[in-house]
Amino acid sequence: MATIRRVFSYTLADDYLAQTAELNKSAQWTYVGPDEFWMFILKDSGKPRCYNFFTKEMNGDIIPTPDDCIKYHVNANVEPLLATLIGASENVDGNSLPQYSEVLPNGETYSRPRDPMPDHTYEINDMYYDFASQKWVFPFKKTWVEWPDLLQRRDVDLERVTLKLRKVDDLPPNMIAQLEEYKSALENLETTWAGVAAYKVWMPVAPF
């Protein structure tokens, strides 16, 4: 097995976690890993089986193929994006890359690599091999939370603190004030975080 360095370009979404690429944005990445290896693809879905890969030193060329799979040979010089997403490339600390930073409404700073890394650009668990076109398909990474999810959680928390405030006879004034502040933060969530993507939102935390 030879270790190679292969610089390649990959398509970026219009914005982080967006599902469109109308702006024709791209970034560069450097694959550092084995020049070739083998992997298994499920026959029914085209998805990688267990996301494992096997180099020649691991007998990848002769390892038996499960009945529900086909064996796929990866030339990393030709398919560096696939090789990177499957985990064959060396790890890179995202904090070492040029950063995009944004101060959030609560004063915290949100930051991420200015150009999302390949594994933060594509949804690895959704990538698949299209047998008809004999090409890999790499869907963009999806958000893990949307505003309706936040509002549903907010409504539950708001109901709980409202009920608690109805039974505060045994609480000292400072604790009652904390509950009132928490309730207000929940009620103003949409206003405070207006225009902010759901995945950046810090939900108010109950004081106790």
N, C-alpha and C. Protein backbone atom coordinates (compact mmCIF):
# COMPACT_ATOMS: atom_id res chain seq x y z
N MET A 1 0.84 -1.20 0.00
CA MET A 1 0.00 0.00 0.00
C MET A 1 0.87 1.24 0.00
N ALA A 2 0.57 2.15 -0.86
CA ALA A 2 1.27 3.43 -0.89
C ALA A 2 0.35 4.51 -0.33
N THR A 3 0.92 5.41 0.46
CA THR A 3 0.16 6.55 0.97
C THR A 3 0.32 7.72 0.01
N ILE A 4 -0.80 8.32 -0.36
CA ILE A 4 -0.76 9.42 -1.32
C ILE A 4 -1.35 10.69 -0.71
N ARG A 5 -0.99 11.81 -1.30
CA ARG A 5 -1.62 13.10 -1.01
C ARG A 5 -2.30 13.56 -2.30
N ARG A 6 -3.59 13.77 -2.23
CA ARG A 6 -4.34 14.12 -3.43
C ARG A 6 -5.24 15.31 -3.13
N VAL A 7 -4.93 16.46 -3.71
CA VAL A 7 -5.77 17.64 -3.55
C VAL A 7 -6.93 17.56 -4.54
N PHE A 8 -8.14 17.80 -4.06
CA PHE A 8 -9.30 17.73 -4.95
C PHE A 8 -10.30 18.81 -4.57
N SER A 9 -11.19 19.12 -5.49
CA SER A 9 -12.26 20.08 -5.26
C SER A 9 -13.57 19.33 -5.03
N TYR A 10 -14.42 19.91 -4.21
CA TYR A 10 -15.74 19.32 -3.99
C TYR A 10 -16.78 20.44 -3.91
N THR A 11 -17.99 20.10 -4.30
CA THR A 11 -19.07 21.07 -4.35
C THR A 11 -19.60 21.38 -2.96
N LEU A 12 -19.80 22.66 -2.69
CA LEU A 12 -20.41 23.09 -1.43
C LEU A 12 -21.87 23.44 -1.66
N ALA A 13 -22.67 23.28 -0.63
CA ALA A 13 -24.05 23.77 -0.67
C ALA A 13 -24.03 25.30 -0.63
N ASP A 14 -25.14 25.92 -0.98
CA ASP A 14 -25.21 27.37 -0.99
C ASP A 14 -24.92 27.98 0.38
N ASP A 15 -25.24 27.24 1.43
CA ASP A 15 -24.92 27.63 2.79
C ASP A 15 -24.79 26.34 3.59
N TYR A 16 -24.18 26.42 4.75
CA TYR A 16 -24.03 25.22 5.56
C TYR A 16 -25.39 24.60 5.86
N LEU A 17 -25.53 23.34 5.53
CA LEU A 17 -26.74 22.53 5.72
C LEU A 17 -27.86 22.85 4.73
N ALA A 18 -27.60 23.73 3.77
CA ALA A 18 -28.58 23.96 2.71
C ALA A 18 -28.61 22.74 1.80
N GLN A 19 -29.69 22.60 1.04
CA GLN A 19 -29.85 21.45 0.16
C GLN A 19 -29.76 21.83 -1.31
N THR A 20 -29.28 23.03 -1.58
CA THR A 20 -29.14 23.51 -2.96
C THR A 20 -27.70 23.91 -3.23
N ALA A 21 -27.35 23.95 -4.52
CA ALA A 21 -26.00 24.36 -4.93
C ALA A 21 -26.10 25.27 -6.14
N GLU A 22 -26.96 26.26 -6.05
CA GLU A 22 -27.19 27.17 -7.17
C GLU A 22 -26.09 28.22 -7.32
N LEU A 23 -25.30 28.42 -6.26
CA LEU A 23 -24.26 29.45 -6.29
C LEU A 23 -22.93 28.93 -6.83
N ASN A 24 -22.90 27.64 -7.16
CA ASN A 24 -21.69 27.04 -7.74
C ASN A 24 -20.46 27.22 -6.83
N LYS A 25 -20.65 27.02 -5.54
CA LYS A 25 -19.56 27.15 -4.58
C LYS A 25 -18.78 25.83 -4.50
N SER A 26 -17.50 25.94 -4.25
CA SER A 26 -16.68 24.74 -4.11
C SER A 26 -15.55 25.02 -3.12
N ALA A 27 -14.89 23.97 -2.69
CA ALA A 27 -13.75 24.08 -1.79
C ALA A 27 -12.74 23.02 -2.17
N GLN A 28 -11.56 23.13 -1.60
CA GLN A 28 -10.51 22.13 -1.84
C GLN A 28 -10.21 21.37 -0.56
N TRP A 29 -9.82 20.13 -0.73
CA TRP A 29 -9.45 19.27 0.39
C TRP A 29 -8.27 18.43 -0.03
N THR A 30 -7.50 17.99 0.94
CA THR A 30 -6.36 17.13 0.65
C THR A 30 -6.59 15.75 1.27
N TYR A 31 -6.71 14.77 0.41
CA TYR A 31 -6.81 13.39 0.86
C TYR A 31 -5.41 12.86 1.15
N VAL A 32 -5.21 12.29 2.33
CA VAL A 32 -3.94 11.66 2.69
C VAL A 32 -4.28 10.27 3.22
N GLY A 33 -3.96 9.26 2.44
CA GLY A 33 -4.30 7.91 2.84
C GLY A 33 -3.86 6.90 1.80
N PRO A 34 -4.35 5.67 1.92
CA PRO A 34 -3.95 4.62 0.98
C PRO A 34 -4.36 4.94 -0.45
N ASP A 35 -3.51 4.54 -1.39
CA ASP A 35 -3.79 4.82 -2.79
C ASP A 35 -4.94 3.99 -3.34
N GLU A 36 -5.18 2.83 -2.73
CA GLU A 36 -6.29 1.99 -3.16
C GLU A 36 -6.76 1.14 -2.00
N PHE A 37 -8.01 0.75 -2.09
CA PHE A 37 -8.59 -0.16 -1.10
C PHE A 37 -9.89 -0.71 -1.67
N TRP A 38 -10.50 -1.61 -0.93
CA TRP A 38 -11.75 -2.24 -1.36
C TRP A 38 -12.80 -2.03 -0.29
N MET A 39 -14.05 -1.97 -0.71
CA MET A 39 -15.17 -1.83 0.20
C MET A 39 -16.35 -2.63 -0.34
N PHE A 40 -17.32 -2.86 0.51
CA PHE A 40 -18.50 -3.60 0.10
C PHE A 40 -19.69 -2.67 -0.04
N ILE A 41 -20.48 -2.88 -1.09
CA ILE A 41 -21.69 -2.10 -1.34
C ILE A 41 -22.88 -3.03 -1.31
N LEU A 42 -23.92 -2.64 -0.57
CA LEU A 42 -25.13 -3.46 -0.50
C LEU A 42 -25.84 -3.47 -1.85
N LYS A 43 -26.22 -4.65 -2.29
CA LYS A 43 -26.85 -4.79 -3.60
C LYS A 43 -28.20 -4.09 -3.69
N ASP A 44 -28.93 -4.06 -2.58
CA ASP A 44 -30.30 -3.53 -2.65
C ASP A 44 -30.36 -2.01 -2.58
N SER A 45 -29.38 -1.38 -1.93
CA SER A 45 -29.45 0.07 -1.73
C SER A 45 -28.28 0.83 -2.33
N GLY A 46 -27.20 0.15 -2.61
CA GLY A 46 -26.01 0.82 -3.10
C GLY A 46 -25.21 1.51 -2.01
N LYS A 47 -25.65 1.37 -0.77
CA LYS A 47 -24.95 2.02 0.34
C LYS A 47 -23.77 1.18 0.80
N PRO A 48 -22.74 1.83 1.33
CA PRO A 48 -21.60 1.07 1.85
C PRO A 48 -22.05 0.16 3.00
N ARG A 49 -21.49 -1.02 3.03
CA ARG A 49 -21.80 -1.96 4.12
C ARG A 49 -20.86 -1.68 5.28
N CYS A 50 -21.42 -1.20 6.38
CA CYS A 50 -20.69 -0.93 7.61
C CYS A 50 -19.62 0.15 7.46
N TYR A 51 -19.49 0.75 6.28
CA TYR A 51 -18.53 1.82 6.06
C TYR A 51 -17.11 1.40 6.42
N ASN A 52 -16.81 0.13 6.16
CA ASN A 52 -15.45 -0.37 6.34
C ASN A 52 -14.72 -0.36 5.02
N PHE A 53 -13.39 -0.35 5.08
CA PHE A 53 -12.59 -0.47 3.87
C PHE A 53 -11.40 -1.37 4.19
N PHE A 54 -10.86 -2.00 3.13
CA PHE A 54 -9.81 -2.98 3.31
C PHE A 54 -8.69 -2.74 2.31
N THR A 55 -7.49 -2.49 2.80
CA THR A 55 -6.34 -2.31 1.92
C THR A 55 -5.82 -3.67 1.47
N LYS A 56 -4.85 -3.66 0.57
CA LYS A 56 -4.27 -4.91 0.11
C LYS A 56 -3.60 -5.65 1.24
N GLU A 57 -2.98 -4.90 2.17
CA GLU A 57 -2.36 -5.51 3.33
C GLU A 57 -3.38 -6.18 4.24
N MET A 58 -4.65 -5.76 4.10
CA MET A 58 -5.74 -6.38 4.86
C MET A 58 -6.46 -7.43 4.01
N ASN A 59 -5.80 -7.81 2.90
CA ASN A 59 -6.37 -8.80 1.97
C ASN A 59 -7.66 -8.32 1.33
N GLY A 60 -7.74 -7.00 1.12
CA GLY A 60 -8.94 -6.44 0.53
C GLY A 60 -9.26 -6.99 -0.83
N ASP A 61 -8.23 -7.35 -1.59
CA ASP A 61 -8.47 -7.84 -2.95
C ASP A 61 -8.99 -9.27 -2.99
N ILE A 62 -8.78 -10.00 -1.91
CA ILE A 62 -9.20 -11.40 -1.90
C ILE A 62 -10.19 -11.73 -0.79
N ILE A 63 -10.49 -10.77 0.06
CA ILE A 63 -11.42 -11.03 1.16
C ILE A 63 -12.78 -11.44 0.59
N PRO A 64 -13.42 -12.47 1.16
CA PRO A 64 -14.71 -12.94 0.62
C PRO A 64 -15.77 -11.85 0.65
N THR A 65 -16.61 -11.85 -0.36
CA THR A 65 -17.68 -10.86 -0.47
C THR A 65 -18.98 -11.44 0.08
N PRO A 66 -19.63 -10.76 1.02
CA PRO A 66 -20.93 -11.24 1.53
C PRO A 66 -21.94 -11.39 0.40
N ASP A 67 -22.87 -12.29 0.56
CA ASP A 67 -23.85 -12.58 -0.50
C ASP A 67 -24.70 -11.37 -0.88
N ASP A 68 -24.94 -10.48 0.08
CA ASP A 68 -25.82 -9.34 -0.20
C ASP A 68 -25.04 -8.12 -0.69
N CYS A 69 -23.77 -8.32 -1.04
CA CYS A 69 -22.93 -7.19 -1.43
C CYS A 69 -22.18 -7.44 -2.73
N ILE A 70 -21.63 -6.35 -3.24
CA ILE A 70 -20.63 -6.47 -4.28
C ILE A 70 -19.36 -5.81 -3.74
N LYS A 71 -18.21 -6.25 -4.23
CA LYS A 71 -16.95 -5.65 -3.80
C LYS A 71 -16.61 -4.52 -4.76
N TYR A 72 -16.23 -3.38 -4.18
CA TYR A 72 -15.94 -2.19 -4.98
C TYR A 72 -14.49 -1.77 -4.75
N HIS A 73 -13.76 -1.63 -5.83
CA HIS A 73 -12.36 -1.21 -5.74
C HIS A 73 -12.29 0.31 -5.84
N VAL A 74 -11.61 0.92 -4.88
CA VAL A 74 -11.48 2.38 -4.85
C VAL A 74 -10.05 2.77 -5.18
N ASN A 75 -9.90 3.51 -6.26
CA ASN A 75 -8.63 4.14 -6.60
C ASN A 75 -8.72 5.56 -6.06
N ALA A 76 -8.00 5.83 -4.98
CA ALA A 76 -8.13 7.12 -4.29
C ALA A 76 -7.67 8.29 -5.15
N ASN A 77 -6.81 8.04 -6.12
CA ASN A 77 -6.41 9.11 -7.04
C ASN A 77 -7.59 9.55 -7.91
N VAL A 78 -8.46 8.60 -8.21
CA VAL A 78 -9.61 8.87 -9.08
C VAL A 78 -10.83 9.30 -8.28
N GLU A 79 -11.02 8.72 -7.09
CA GLU A 79 -12.19 9.00 -6.26
C GLU A 79 -11.77 9.46 -4.86
N PRO A 80 -11.06 10.58 -4.77
CA PRO A 80 -10.59 11.04 -3.46
C PRO A 80 -11.70 11.46 -2.51
N LEU A 81 -12.82 11.97 -3.05
CA LEU A 81 -13.93 12.35 -2.18
C LEU A 81 -14.51 11.12 -1.51
N LEU A 82 -14.77 10.09 -2.28
CA LEU A 82 -15.28 8.84 -1.72
C LEU A 82 -14.31 8.30 -0.68
N ALA A 83 -13.03 8.28 -1.01
CA ALA A 83 -12.02 7.76 -0.08
C ALA A 83 -12.01 8.57 1.21
N THR A 84 -12.21 9.87 1.10
CA THR A 84 -12.25 10.72 2.29
C THR A 84 -13.47 10.44 3.13
N LEU A 85 -14.64 10.36 2.49
CA LEU A 85 -15.88 10.17 3.23
C LEU A 85 -15.97 8.79 3.87
N ILE A 86 -15.33 7.81 3.28
CA ILE A 86 -15.38 6.46 3.85
C ILE A 86 -14.44 6.33 5.04
N GLY A 87 -13.59 7.35 5.23
CA GLY A 87 -12.74 7.36 6.41
C GLY A 87 -11.32 6.91 6.20
N ALA A 88 -10.88 6.85 4.93
CA ALA A 88 -9.53 6.38 4.66
C ALA A 88 -8.48 7.48 4.81
N SER A 89 -8.92 8.73 4.81
CA SER A 89 -7.99 9.85 4.90
C SER A 89 -7.63 10.14 6.36
N GLU A 90 -6.48 10.76 6.57
CA GLU A 90 -6.07 11.11 7.92
C GLU A 90 -7.03 12.16 8.50
N ASN A 91 -7.16 12.15 9.82
CA ASN A 91 -8.07 13.09 10.47
C ASN A 91 -7.51 14.50 10.46
N VAL A 92 -8.41 15.47 10.35
CA VAL A 92 -8.05 16.88 10.38
C VAL A 92 -8.88 17.56 11.45
N ASP A 93 -8.23 18.34 12.32
CA ASP A 93 -8.92 19.09 13.35
C ASP A 93 -9.58 20.31 12.71
N GLY A 94 -10.90 20.35 12.73
CA GLY A 94 -11.62 21.45 12.11
C GLY A 94 -11.24 22.81 12.68
N ASN A 95 -10.81 22.84 13.94
CA ASN A 95 -10.43 24.12 14.55
C ASN A 95 -9.14 24.67 13.97
N SER A 96 -8.39 23.84 13.25
CA SER A 96 -7.13 24.31 12.66
C SER A 96 -7.34 24.99 11.31
N LEU A 97 -8.57 24.96 10.81
CA LEU A 97 -8.87 25.54 9.50
C LEU A 97 -9.37 26.97 9.64
N PRO A 98 -9.30 27.77 8.56
CA PRO A 98 -9.89 29.12 8.61
C PRO A 98 -11.34 29.04 9.04
N GLN A 99 -11.73 29.94 9.96
CA GLN A 99 -13.03 29.83 10.59
C GLN A 99 -14.02 30.91 10.14
N TYR A 100 -15.29 30.52 10.18
CA TYR A 100 -16.39 31.46 10.08
C TYR A 100 -16.93 31.63 11.50
N SER A 101 -17.09 32.85 11.96
CA SER A 101 -17.58 33.10 13.32
C SER A 101 -18.76 34.05 13.29
N GLU A 102 -19.64 33.88 14.25
CA GLU A 102 -20.84 34.71 14.34
C GLU A 102 -21.24 34.84 15.80
N VAL A 103 -21.45 36.07 16.25
CA VAL A 103 -21.91 36.29 17.62
C VAL A 103 -23.42 36.10 17.67
N LEU A 104 -23.87 35.23 18.53
CA LEU A 104 -25.29 34.89 18.63
C LEU A 104 -26.01 35.85 19.57
N PRO A 105 -27.34 35.88 19.53
CA PRO A 105 -28.11 36.81 20.37
C PRO A 105 -27.85 36.68 21.86
N ASN A 106 -27.40 35.50 22.31
CA ASN A 106 -27.12 35.34 23.74
C ASN A 106 -25.68 35.68 24.10
N GLY A 107 -24.93 36.19 23.11
CA GLY A 107 -23.56 36.59 23.38
C GLY A 107 -22.53 35.50 23.12
N GLU A 108 -22.99 34.29 22.93
CA GLU A 108 -22.07 33.20 22.61
C GLU A 108 -21.60 33.32 21.16
N THR A 109 -20.46 32.73 20.86
CA THR A 109 -19.93 32.77 19.50
C THR A 109 -20.08 31.41 18.84
N TYR A 110 -20.73 31.41 17.70
CA TYR A 110 -20.83 30.20 16.88
C TYR A 110 -19.70 30.22 15.87
N SER A 111 -18.97 29.13 15.75
CA SER A 111 -17.89 29.08 14.77
C SER A 111 -17.81 27.69 14.16
N ARG A 112 -17.32 27.67 12.95
CA ARG A 112 -17.11 26.43 12.21
C ARG A 112 -16.10 26.73 11.12
N PRO A 113 -15.53 25.70 10.48
CA PRO A 113 -14.64 25.99 9.35
C PRO A 113 -15.35 26.82 8.29
N ARG A 114 -14.67 27.80 7.76
CA ARG A 114 -15.27 28.69 6.74
C ARG A 114 -15.83 27.88 5.58
N ASP A 115 -15.05 26.92 5.09
CA ASP A 115 -15.55 25.96 4.10
C ASP A 115 -15.80 24.65 4.82
N PRO A 116 -17.05 24.23 4.95
CA PRO A 116 -17.32 22.98 5.66
C PRO A 116 -16.48 21.81 5.13
N MET A 117 -15.96 21.01 6.03
CA MET A 117 -15.17 19.84 5.66
C MET A 117 -16.06 18.86 4.88
N PRO A 118 -15.46 17.97 4.10
CA PRO A 118 -16.28 17.04 3.31
C PRO A 118 -17.31 16.27 4.13
N ASP A 119 -16.92 15.80 5.32
CA ASP A 119 -17.88 15.03 6.12
C ASP A 119 -18.93 15.91 6.79
N HIS A 120 -18.77 17.24 6.69
CA HIS A 120 -19.80 18.16 7.16
C HIS A 120 -20.52 18.82 6.00
N THR A 121 -20.16 18.42 4.80
CA THR A 121 -20.82 18.90 3.59
C THR A 121 -21.82 17.87 3.07
N TYR A 122 -21.44 16.61 3.18
CA TYR A 122 -22.28 15.53 2.66
C TYR A 122 -22.77 14.64 3.79
N GLU A 123 -23.99 14.12 3.61
CA GLU A 123 -24.59 13.22 4.59
C GLU A 123 -24.05 11.82 4.33
N ILE A 124 -23.03 11.45 5.08
CA ILE A 124 -22.32 10.20 4.82
C ILE A 124 -23.26 9.00 4.85
N ASN A 125 -24.19 8.98 5.78
CA ASN A 125 -25.09 7.83 5.90
C ASN A 125 -26.08 7.72 4.75
N ASP A 126 -26.18 8.77 3.94
CA ASP A 126 -27.12 8.75 2.81
C ASP A 126 -26.43 8.56 1.46
N MET A 127 -25.11 8.55 1.42
CA MET A 127 -24.43 8.40 0.13
C MET A 127 -24.65 6.97 -0.38
N TYR A 128 -24.70 6.84 -1.70
CA TYR A 128 -24.94 5.53 -2.27
C TYR A 128 -24.38 5.46 -3.69
N TYR A 129 -24.18 4.24 -4.15
CA TYR A 129 -23.71 4.01 -5.51
C TYR A 129 -24.91 3.73 -6.39
N ASP A 130 -25.06 4.54 -7.44
CA ASP A 130 -26.16 4.37 -8.39
C ASP A 130 -25.72 3.37 -9.45
N PHE A 131 -26.27 2.17 -9.37
CA PHE A 131 -25.86 1.11 -10.28
C PHE A 131 -26.20 1.45 -11.73
N ALA A 132 -27.28 2.19 -11.94
CA ALA A 132 -27.69 2.51 -13.31
C ALA A 132 -26.67 3.42 -13.99
N SER A 133 -26.25 4.47 -13.29
CA SER A 133 -25.30 5.41 -13.89
C SER A 133 -23.85 5.05 -13.59
N GLN A 134 -23.69 4.08 -12.66
CA GLN A 134 -22.36 3.67 -12.21
C GLN A 134 -21.58 4.86 -11.65
N LYS A 135 -22.30 5.66 -10.86
CA LYS A 135 -21.69 6.81 -10.21
C LYS A 135 -22.15 6.89 -8.75
N TRP A 136 -21.30 7.51 -7.94
CA TRP A 136 -21.66 7.73 -6.54
C TRP A 136 -22.51 8.99 -6.43
N VAL A 137 -23.48 8.94 -5.53
CA VAL A 137 -24.34 10.09 -5.23
C VAL A 137 -24.06 10.51 -3.79
N PHE A 138 -23.77 11.81 -3.62
CA PHE A 138 -23.44 12.33 -2.30
C PHE A 138 -24.43 13.43 -1.92
N PRO A 139 -25.52 13.08 -1.22
CA PRO A 139 -26.49 14.11 -0.79
C PRO A 139 -25.85 15.07 0.22
N PHE A 140 -26.30 16.32 0.19
CA PHE A 140 -25.79 17.28 1.15
C PHE A 140 -26.23 16.93 2.57
N LYS A 141 -25.41 17.34 3.51
CA LYS A 141 -25.72 17.10 4.92
C LYS A 141 -26.95 17.88 5.33
N LYS A 142 -27.81 17.24 6.09
CA LYS A 142 -29.06 17.86 6.52
C LYS A 142 -28.94 18.38 7.95
N THR A 143 -29.78 19.37 8.26
CA THR A 143 -29.83 19.86 9.62
C THR A 143 -30.46 18.80 10.53
N TRP A 144 -30.08 18.81 11.77
CA TRP A 144 -30.60 17.83 12.72
C TRP A 144 -31.77 18.40 13.53
N VAL A 145 -32.05 19.69 13.36
CA VAL A 145 -33.16 20.30 14.09
C VAL A 145 -33.72 21.45 13.27
N GLU A 146 -35.05 21.61 13.32
CA GLU A 146 -35.73 22.70 12.64
C GLU A 146 -36.49 23.53 13.67
N TRP A 147 -36.91 24.72 13.26
CA TRP A 147 -37.62 25.58 14.20
C TRP A 147 -38.88 24.94 14.79
N PRO A 148 -39.67 24.20 14.03
CA PRO A 148 -40.83 23.54 14.65
C PRO A 148 -40.43 22.61 15.80
N ASP A 149 -39.26 21.97 15.71
CA ASP A 149 -38.80 21.11 16.79
C ASP A 149 -38.51 21.95 18.04
N LEU A 150 -37.86 23.10 17.84
CA LEU A 150 -37.54 23.97 18.97
C LEU A 150 -38.80 24.50 19.63
N LEU A 151 -39.77 24.88 18.80
CA LEU A 151 -40.99 25.45 19.35
C LEU A 151 -41.81 24.41 20.09
N GLN A 152 -41.77 23.19 19.61
CA GLN A 152 -42.47 22.12 20.32
C GLN A 152 -41.86 21.90 21.70
N ARG A 153 -40.54 21.88 21.74
CA ARG A 153 -39.85 21.73 23.03
C ARG A 153 -40.10 22.94 23.92
N ARG A 154 -40.09 24.16 23.31
CA ARG A 154 -40.36 25.38 24.08
C ARG A 154 -41.73 25.34 24.73
N ASP A 155 -42.72 24.88 23.97
CA ASP A 155 -44.08 24.85 24.49
C ASP A 155 -44.19 23.92 25.70
N VAL A 156 -43.50 22.79 25.65
CA VAL A 156 -43.51 21.85 26.78
C VAL A 156 -42.86 22.49 28.00
N ASP A 157 -41.69 23.12 27.78
CA ASP A 157 -40.97 23.75 28.89
C ASP A 157 -41.77 24.91 29.46
N LEU A 158 -42.43 25.65 28.59
CA LEU A 158 -43.22 26.80 29.04
C LEU A 158 -44.41 26.34 29.89
N GLU A 159 -45.02 25.26 29.50
CA GLU A 159 -46.14 24.73 30.28
C GLU A 159 -45.67 24.29 31.66
N ARG A 160 -44.50 23.67 31.72
CA ARG A 160 -43.96 23.20 32.99
C ARG A 160 -43.65 24.35 33.94
N VAL A 161 -42.98 25.39 33.43
CA VAL A 161 -42.60 26.49 34.32
C VAL A 161 -43.83 27.30 34.72
N THR A 162 -44.82 27.37 33.85
CA THR A 162 -46.05 28.07 34.20
C THR A 162 -46.76 27.38 35.35
N LEU A 163 -46.83 26.06 35.30
CA LEU A 163 -47.44 25.29 36.39
C LEU A 163 -46.64 25.44 37.67
N LYS A 164 -45.33 25.48 37.56
CA LYS A 164 -44.48 25.61 38.74
C LYS A 164 -44.69 26.96 39.41
N LEU A 165 -44.87 28.00 38.59
CA LEU A 165 -45.06 29.34 39.15
C LEU A 165 -46.41 29.49 39.85
N ARG A 166 -47.31 28.59 39.58
CA ARG A 166 -48.60 28.64 40.27
C ARG A 166 -48.52 28.04 41.68
N LYS A 167 -47.39 27.42 41.98
CA LYS A 167 -47.23 26.76 43.28
C LYS A 167 -45.89 27.17 43.90
N VAL A 168 -45.73 28.46 44.10
CA VAL A 168 -44.44 28.97 44.57
C VAL A 168 -44.51 29.52 45.99
N ASP A 169 -45.51 29.13 46.71
CA ASP A 169 -45.67 29.67 48.07
C ASP A 169 -44.48 29.37 48.96
N ASP A 170 -43.80 28.24 48.69
CA ASP A 170 -42.70 27.83 49.56
C ASP A 170 -41.33 28.21 48.99
N LEU A 171 -41.31 29.02 47.94
CA LEU A 171 -40.05 29.41 47.32
C LEU A 171 -39.65 30.82 47.73
N PRO A 172 -38.36 31.05 47.95
CA PRO A 172 -37.90 32.41 48.26
C PRO A 172 -38.01 33.30 47.03
N PRO A 173 -38.06 34.62 47.23
CA PRO A 173 -38.26 35.57 46.12
C PRO A 173 -37.20 35.44 45.02
N ASN A 174 -35.95 35.16 45.37
CA ASN A 174 -34.91 35.08 44.33
C ASN A 174 -35.14 33.91 43.39
N MET A 175 -35.67 32.81 43.90
CA MET A 175 -35.94 31.66 43.07
C MET A 175 -37.16 31.91 42.18
N ILE A 176 -38.13 32.62 42.73
CA ILE A 176 -39.31 32.97 41.94
C ILE A 176 -38.89 33.88 40.78
N ALA A 177 -37.97 34.81 41.05
CA ALA A 177 -37.48 35.72 40.02
C ALA A 177 -36.75 34.95 38.92
N GLN A 178 -36.00 33.92 39.30
CA GLN A 178 -35.29 33.10 38.30
C GLN A 178 -36.29 32.37 37.40
N LEU A 179 -37.36 31.86 38.01
CA LEU A 179 -38.38 31.17 37.22
C LEU A 179 -39.08 32.13 36.27
N GLU A 180 -39.35 33.34 36.74
CA GLU A 180 -40.00 34.34 35.89
C GLU A 180 -39.10 34.72 34.72
N GLU A 181 -37.82 34.86 34.99
CA GLU A 181 -36.86 35.19 33.92
C GLU A 181 -36.78 34.07 32.90
N TYR A 182 -36.77 32.84 33.38
CA TYR A 182 -36.75 31.67 32.49
C TYR A 182 -38.01 31.62 31.64
N LYS A 183 -39.16 31.87 32.26
CA LYS A 183 -40.44 31.85 31.54
C LYS A 183 -40.44 32.92 30.45
N SER A 184 -39.92 34.10 30.78
CA SER A 184 -39.87 35.19 29.81
C SER A 184 -38.96 34.83 28.63
N ALA A 185 -37.84 34.17 28.92
CA ALA A 185 -36.92 33.77 27.85
C ALA A 185 -37.58 32.78 26.90
N LEU A 186 -38.39 31.89 27.46
CA LEU A 186 -39.11 30.92 26.63
C LEU A 186 -40.16 31.63 25.77
N GLU A 187 -40.87 32.57 26.37
CA GLU A 187 -41.92 33.28 25.64
C GLU A 187 -41.34 34.13 24.51
N ASN A 188 -40.13 34.64 24.71
CA ASN A 188 -39.50 35.52 23.72
C ASN A 188 -38.52 34.81 22.80
N LEU A 189 -38.54 33.49 22.81
CA LEU A 189 -37.57 32.72 22.03
C LEU A 189 -37.56 33.11 20.56
N GLU A 190 -38.73 33.18 19.95
CA GLU A 190 -38.80 33.48 18.51
C GLU A 190 -38.31 34.90 18.20
N THR A 191 -38.58 35.83 19.11
CA THR A 191 -38.15 37.21 18.89
C THR A 191 -36.64 37.35 19.11
N THR A 192 -36.17 36.76 20.18
CA THR A 192 -34.74 36.85 20.51
C THR A 192 -33.88 36.24 19.42
N TRP A 193 -34.33 35.12 18.87
CA TRP A 193 -33.53 34.38 17.89
C TRP A 193 -34.08 34.51 16.46
N ALA A 194 -34.79 35.58 16.20
CA ALA A 194 -35.38 35.78 14.87
C ALA A 194 -34.30 35.78 13.79
N GLY A 195 -34.53 35.00 12.75
CA GLY A 195 -33.61 34.95 11.63
C GLY A 195 -32.41 34.05 11.83
N VAL A 196 -32.32 33.39 12.97
CA VAL A 196 -31.18 32.51 13.26
C VAL A 196 -31.57 31.07 12.94
N ALA A 197 -30.70 30.35 12.28
CA ALA A 197 -30.98 28.94 11.96
C ALA A 197 -31.17 28.15 13.24
N ALA A 198 -32.07 27.20 13.20
CA ALA A 198 -32.45 26.46 14.41
C ALA A 198 -31.26 25.78 15.08
N TYR A 199 -30.31 25.28 14.29
CA TYR A 199 -29.20 24.53 14.87
C TYR A 199 -28.24 25.42 15.67
N LYS A 200 -28.38 26.73 15.53
CA LYS A 200 -27.52 27.66 16.28
C LYS A 200 -28.18 28.14 17.58
N VAL A 201 -29.45 27.84 17.74
CA VAL A 201 -30.21 28.38 18.88
C VAL A 201 -29.83 27.67 20.19
N TRP A 202 -29.62 28.49 21.22
CA TRP A 202 -29.42 27.98 22.57
C TRP A 202 -30.76 28.06 23.30
N MET A 203 -31.31 26.92 23.63
CA MET A 203 -32.58 26.92 24.34
C MET A 203 -32.38 27.41 25.78
N PRO A 204 -33.32 28.19 26.30
CA PRO A 204 -33.23 28.62 27.70
C PRO A 204 -33.17 27.41 28.64
N VAL A 205 -32.35 27.53 29.66
CA VAL A 205 -32.14 26.41 30.59
C VAL A 205 -32.85 26.71 31.90
N ALA A 206 -33.60 25.73 32.38
CA ALA A 206 -34.32 25.91 33.64
C ALA A 206 -33.33 26.20 34.77
N PRO A 207 -33.61 27.16 35.62
CA PRO A 207 -32.68 27.54 36.69
C PRO A 207 -32.49 26.46 37.75
N PHE A 208 -33.49 25.62 37.91
CA PHE A 208 -33.40 24.53 38.90
C PHE A 208 -34.54 23.56 38.64
